[in-house]
Amino acid sequence: MNETRLSVAVVYSPAPRLVCQVLLEVMSPCSVLQAVRQSGLLARYPEIDRQQLVVGVWGRKAKPEQL
């Protein structure tokens, strides 16, 4: 299987008008949740409720396991 590196941006807004963006490269295939974990945002913002995590791709709601 030929793995490809993808450039992705993981973005989190902890408050209105405040945005944290992390740019990283991931190996394909990579799920949305894997990218979020690799971004380090879960460690940087411990207030993120991992059980209620809502994610999206290009502004559309996505499942964390989506590739």
C-alpha atoms as a PDB file:
ATOM      1  CA  MET A   1       0.000   0.000   0.000  1.00  0.00           C
ATOM      2  CA  ASN A   2       1.412   3.386  -0.990  1.00  0.00           C
ATOM      3  CA  GLU A   3       1.060   5.895   1.842  1.00  0.00           C
ATOM      4  CA  THR A   4       0.799   9.578   1.044  1.00  0.00           C
ATOM      5  CA  ARG A   5       1.488  12.532   3.292  1.00  0.00           C
ATOM      6  CA  LEU A   6      -1.310  15.091   3.527  1.00  0.00           C
ATOM      7  CA  SER A   7      -1.090  18.664   4.768  1.00  0.00           C
ATOM      8  CA  VAL A   8      -4.008  19.474   7.046  1.00  0.00           C
ATOM      9  CA  ALA A   9      -5.094  22.335   9.285  1.00  0.00           C
ATOM     10  CA  VAL A  10      -6.788  21.536  12.577  1.00  0.00           C
ATOM     11  CA  VAL A  11      -8.654  24.542  13.945  1.00  0.00           C
ATOM     12  CA  TYR A  12     -10.260  25.122  17.340  1.00  0.00           C
ATOM     13  CA  SER A  13     -12.144  28.159  18.580  1.00  0.00           C
ATOM     14  CA  PRO A  14     -12.170  28.246  22.394  1.00  0.00           C
ATOM     15  CA  ALA A  15     -14.119  31.521  22.459  1.00  0.00           C
ATOM     16  CA  PRO A  16     -15.748  33.960  20.040  1.00  0.00           C
ATOM     17  CA  ARG A  17     -13.174  35.757  17.876  1.00  0.00           C
ATOM     18  CA  LEU A  18     -10.390  33.487  19.143  1.00  0.00           C
ATOM     19  CA  VAL A  19      -8.997  30.821  16.828  1.00  0.00           C
ATOM     20  CA  CYS A  20      -6.124  28.376  17.250  1.00  0.00           C
ATOM     21  CA  GLN A  21      -4.880  26.726  14.066  1.00  0.00           C
ATOM     22  CA  VAL A  22      -2.313  23.936  13.868  1.00  0.00           C
ATOM     23  CA  LEU A  23      -0.817  22.966  10.519  1.00  0.00           C
ATOM     24  CA  LEU A  24       0.564  19.455  10.266  1.00  0.00           C
ATOM     25  CA  GLU A  25       1.331  16.626   7.892  1.00  0.00           C
ATOM     26  CA  VAL A  26      -0.362  13.273   8.409  1.00  0.00           C
ATOM     27  CA  MET A  27      -0.053   9.940   6.693  1.00  0.00           C
ATOM     28  CA  SER A  28      -2.977   8.930   4.506  1.00  0.00           C
ATOM     29  CA  PRO A  29      -5.295   7.369   5.416  1.00  0.00           C
ATOM     30  CA  CYS A  30      -5.889   9.436   8.548  1.00  0.00           C
ATOM     31  CA  SER A  31      -9.162   9.874  10.411  1.00  0.00           C
ATOM     32  CA  VAL A  32     -10.418  13.236  11.602  1.00  0.00           C
ATOM     33  CA  LEU A  33      -9.859  12.137  15.212  1.00  0.00           C
ATOM     34  CA  GLN A  34      -6.288  11.033  14.462  1.00  0.00           C
ATOM     35  CA  ALA A  35      -5.539  14.479  13.010  1.00  0.00           C
ATOM     36  CA  VAL A  36      -7.084  16.185  16.058  1.00  0.00           C
ATOM     37  CA  ARG A  37      -4.962  14.054  18.382  1.00  0.00           C
ATOM     38  CA  GLN A  38      -1.782  14.690  16.374  1.00  0.00           C
ATOM     39  CA  SER A  39      -2.437  18.444  16.456  1.00  0.00           C
ATOM     40  CA  GLY A  40      -1.919  18.571  20.224  1.00  0.00           C
ATOM     41  CA  LEU A  41      -5.047  20.686  20.706  1.00  0.00           C
ATOM     42  CA  LEU A  42      -6.616  18.167  23.105  1.00  0.00           C
ATOM     43  CA  ALA A  43      -3.600  18.552  25.415  1.00  0.00           C
ATOM     44  CA  ARG A  44      -3.404  22.333  24.987  1.00  0.00           C
ATOM     45  CA  TYR A  45      -7.110  22.814  25.741  1.00  0.00           C
ATOM     46  CA  PRO A  46      -8.068  20.317  28.473  1.00  0.00           C
ATOM     47  CA  GLU A  47     -11.546  21.856  28.643  1.00  0.00           C
ATOM     48  CA  ILE A  48     -12.417  20.121  25.349  1.00  0.00           C
ATOM     49  CA  ASP A  49     -14.892  17.394  26.257  1.00  0.00           C
ATOM     50  CA  ARG A  50     -13.694  14.354  24.334  1.00  0.00           C
ATOM     51  CA  GLN A  51     -17.057  12.629  24.857  1.00  0.00           C
ATOM     52  CA  GLN A  52     -18.957  15.544  23.274  1.00  0.00           C
ATOM     53  CA  LEU A  53     -16.372  16.413  20.599  1.00  0.00           C
ATOM     54  CA  VAL A  54     -18.008  17.837  17.476  1.00  0.00           C
ATOM     55  CA  VAL A  55     -15.782  17.956  14.404  1.00  0.00           C
ATOM     56  CA  GLY A  56     -16.155  19.128  10.862  1.00  0.00           C
ATOM     57  CA  VAL A  57     -14.404  19.107   7.514  1.00  0.00           C
ATOM     58  CA  TRP A  58     -14.676  22.282   5.473  1.00  0.00           C
ATOM     59  CA  GLY A  59     -17.479  23.553   7.703  1.00  0.00           C
ATOM     60  CA  ARG A  60     -19.577  20.388   7.484  1.00  0.00           C
ATOM     61  CA  LYS A  61     -20.164  18.135  10.453  1.00  0.00           C
ATOM     62  CA  ALA A  62     -18.128  14.937  10.258  1.00  0.00           C
ATOM     63  CA  LYS A  63     -17.739  11.785  12.301  1.00  0.00           C
ATOM     64  CA  PRO A  64     -14.430  11.485  14.185  1.00  0.00           C
ATOM     65  CA  GLU A  65     -13.688   8.183  12.396  1.00  0.00           C
ATOM     66  CA  GLN A  66     -14.178   9.735   8.928  1.00  0.00           C
ATOM     67  CA  LEU A  67     -11.116   9.378   6.703  1.00  0.00           C
END
